[in-house]
Amino acid sequence: MSKPTGLAAFAGTSTKNAGAAPGAALARERGKGALVALTVRLTRPQWERIHQLAVSEGVSIQQLAVRGLSHVLSERGLADL
């Protein structure tokens, strides 16, 4: 087996999937638990507005996000969060 080059060499080789055939599905390791982390990217002005709203409402940005997503789901006739 040849030595990896480029980004593959930088990232290293996973010992779990080292013997897997090329193109084989990798074993899922993240997002298995009861809670799953999610990253949302905002501009500074967007974050400032959302932060001010959360402070004025006395809730976390997390709670605002869940409320907003629940509202969007219920508008579409789906079960909210």
C-alpha atoms as a PDB file:
ATOM      1  CA  MET A   1       0.000   0.000   0.000  1.00  0.00           C
ATOM      2  CA  SER A   2       1.403   3.402  -0.959  1.00  0.00           C
ATOM      3  CA  LYS A   3       1.975   6.194   1.513  1.00  0.00           C
ATOM      4  CA  PRO A   4      -0.865   8.787   1.508  1.00  0.00           C
ATOM      5  CA  THR A   5      -0.125  12.220   0.086  1.00  0.00           C
ATOM      6  CA  GLY A   6      -1.818  15.626   0.216  1.00  0.00           C
ATOM      7  CA  LEU A   7      -4.597  16.111   2.763  1.00  0.00           C
ATOM      8  CA  ALA A   8      -4.827  12.364   3.370  1.00  0.00           C
ATOM      9  CA  ALA A   9      -1.286  12.411   4.772  1.00  0.00           C
ATOM     10  CA  PHE A  10      -2.081  15.417   6.953  1.00  0.00           C
ATOM     11  CA  ALA A  11      -5.260  13.883   8.398  1.00  0.00           C
ATOM     12  CA  GLY A  12      -3.700  10.520   9.111  1.00  0.00           C
ATOM     13  CA  THR A  13      -5.369   7.146   8.783  1.00  0.00           C
ATOM     14  CA  SER A  14      -8.213   5.897  10.934  1.00  0.00           C
ATOM     15  CA  THR A  15      -7.333   2.597  12.582  1.00  0.00           C
ATOM     16  CA  LYS A  16     -11.019   1.561  12.637  1.00  0.00           C
ATOM     17  CA  ASN A  17     -11.459   1.795   8.881  1.00  0.00           C
ATOM     18  CA  ALA A  18      -7.870   1.217   7.715  1.00  0.00           C
ATOM     19  CA  GLY A  19      -8.683  -2.216   6.260  1.00  0.00           C
ATOM     20  CA  ALA A  20     -11.994  -1.163   4.693  1.00  0.00           C
ATOM     21  CA  ALA A  21     -12.433  -1.395   0.965  1.00  0.00           C
ATOM     22  CA  PRO A  22     -12.186   1.886  -0.944  1.00  0.00           C
ATOM     23  CA  GLY A  23     -15.611   3.548  -1.102  1.00  0.00           C
ATOM     24  CA  ALA A  24     -16.956   1.522   1.835  1.00  0.00           C
ATOM     25  CA  ALA A  25     -19.197   3.407   4.259  1.00  0.00           C
ATOM     26  CA  LEU A  26     -17.397   4.661   7.351  1.00  0.00           C
ATOM     27  CA  ALA A  27     -18.706   3.765  10.799  1.00  0.00           C
ATOM     28  CA  ARG A  28     -20.667   6.652  12.291  1.00  0.00           C
ATOM     29  CA  GLU A  29     -19.049   7.992  15.446  1.00  0.00           C
ATOM     30  CA  ARG A  30     -20.674  11.389  16.038  1.00  0.00           C
ATOM     31  CA  GLY A  31     -24.278  12.357  16.645  1.00  0.00           C
ATOM     32  CA  LYS A  32     -25.261   9.109  18.340  1.00  0.00           C
ATOM     33  CA  GLY A  33     -26.188  10.446  21.777  1.00  0.00           C
ATOM     34  CA  ALA A  34     -29.355  12.062  23.111  1.00  0.00           C
ATOM     35  CA  LEU A  35     -27.922  15.527  22.384  1.00  0.00           C
ATOM     36  CA  VAL A  36     -26.294  16.540  19.123  1.00  0.00           C
ATOM     37  CA  ALA A  37     -24.174  19.684  18.822  1.00  0.00           C
ATOM     38  CA  LEU A  38     -24.884  22.042  15.947  1.00  0.00           C
ATOM     39  CA  THR A  39     -22.881  24.999  14.720  1.00  0.00           C
ATOM     40  CA  VAL A  40     -24.640  28.044  13.308  1.00  0.00           C
ATOM     41  CA  ARG A  41     -22.603  30.807  11.713  1.00  0.00           C
ATOM     42  CA  LEU A  42     -23.825  34.379  12.124  1.00  0.00           C
ATOM     43  CA  THR A  43     -22.421  37.725  11.214  1.00  0.00           C
ATOM     44  CA  ARG A  44     -21.528  39.965  14.157  1.00  0.00           C
ATOM     45  CA  PRO A  45     -24.641  42.169  13.633  1.00  0.00           C
ATOM     46  CA  GLN A  46     -26.904  39.095  13.447  1.00  0.00           C
ATOM     47  CA  TRP A  47     -25.402  37.681  16.630  1.00  0.00           C
ATOM     48  CA  GLU A  48     -25.748  41.036  18.432  1.00  0.00           C
ATOM     49  CA  ARG A  49     -29.457  41.289  17.566  1.00  0.00           C
ATOM     50  CA  ILE A  50     -30.141  37.692  18.625  1.00  0.00           C
ATOM     51  CA  HIS A  51     -28.101  38.114  21.803  1.00  0.00           C
ATOM     52  CA  GLN A  52     -30.007  41.298  22.715  1.00  0.00           C
ATOM     53  CA  LEU A  53     -33.325  39.518  22.107  1.00  0.00           C
ATOM     54  CA  ALA A  54     -32.280  36.564  24.262  1.00  0.00           C
ATOM     55  CA  VAL A  55     -31.195  38.862  27.098  1.00  0.00           C
ATOM     56  CA  SER A  56     -34.402  40.910  26.927  1.00  0.00           C
ATOM     57  CA  GLU A  57     -36.529  37.729  26.905  1.00  0.00           C
ATOM     58  CA  GLY A  58     -34.476  36.163  29.699  1.00  0.00           C
ATOM     59  CA  VAL A  59     -33.761  33.016  27.686  1.00  0.00           C
ATOM     60  CA  SER A  60     -30.747  31.483  25.961  1.00  0.00           C
ATOM     61  CA  ILE A  61     -30.042  31.674  22.253  1.00  0.00           C
ATOM     62  CA  GLN A  62     -30.532  27.886  22.299  1.00  0.00           C
ATOM     63  CA  GLN A  63     -34.105  28.344  23.550  1.00  0.00           C
ATOM     64  CA  LEU A  64     -34.790  31.023  20.925  1.00  0.00           C
ATOM     65  CA  ALA A  65     -33.526  28.702  18.187  1.00  0.00           C
ATOM     66  CA  VAL A  66     -35.682  25.795  19.340  1.00  0.00           C
ATOM     67  CA  ARG A  67     -38.760  28.066  19.598  1.00  0.00           C
ATOM     68  CA  GLY A  68     -38.127  29.419  16.107  1.00  0.00           C
ATOM     69  CA  LEU A  69     -37.621  25.997  14.569  1.00  0.00           C
ATOM     70  CA  SER A  70     -40.734  24.687  16.336  1.00  0.00           C
ATOM     71  CA  HIS A  71     -42.711  27.595  14.888  1.00  0.00           C
ATOM     72  CA  VAL A  72     -41.484  26.880  11.338  1.00  0.00           C
ATOM     73  CA  LEU A  73     -42.347  23.180  11.699  1.00  0.00           C
ATOM     74  CA  SER A  74     -45.843  23.876  13.052  1.00  0.00           C
ATOM     75  CA  GLU A  75     -46.503  26.382  10.229  1.00  0.00           C
ATOM     76  CA  ARG A  76     -45.887  23.531   7.804  1.00  0.00           C
ATOM     77  CA  GLY A  77     -48.215  21.176   9.630  1.00  0.00           C
ATOM     78  CA  LEU A  78     -45.429  19.133  11.202  1.00  0.00           C
ATOM     79  CA  ALA A  79     -44.992  18.248  14.851  1.00  0.00           C
ATOM     80  CA  ASP A  80     -43.041  20.945  16.654  1.00  0.00           C
ATOM     81  CA  LEU A  81     -39.994  20.280  18.796  1.00  0.00           C
END
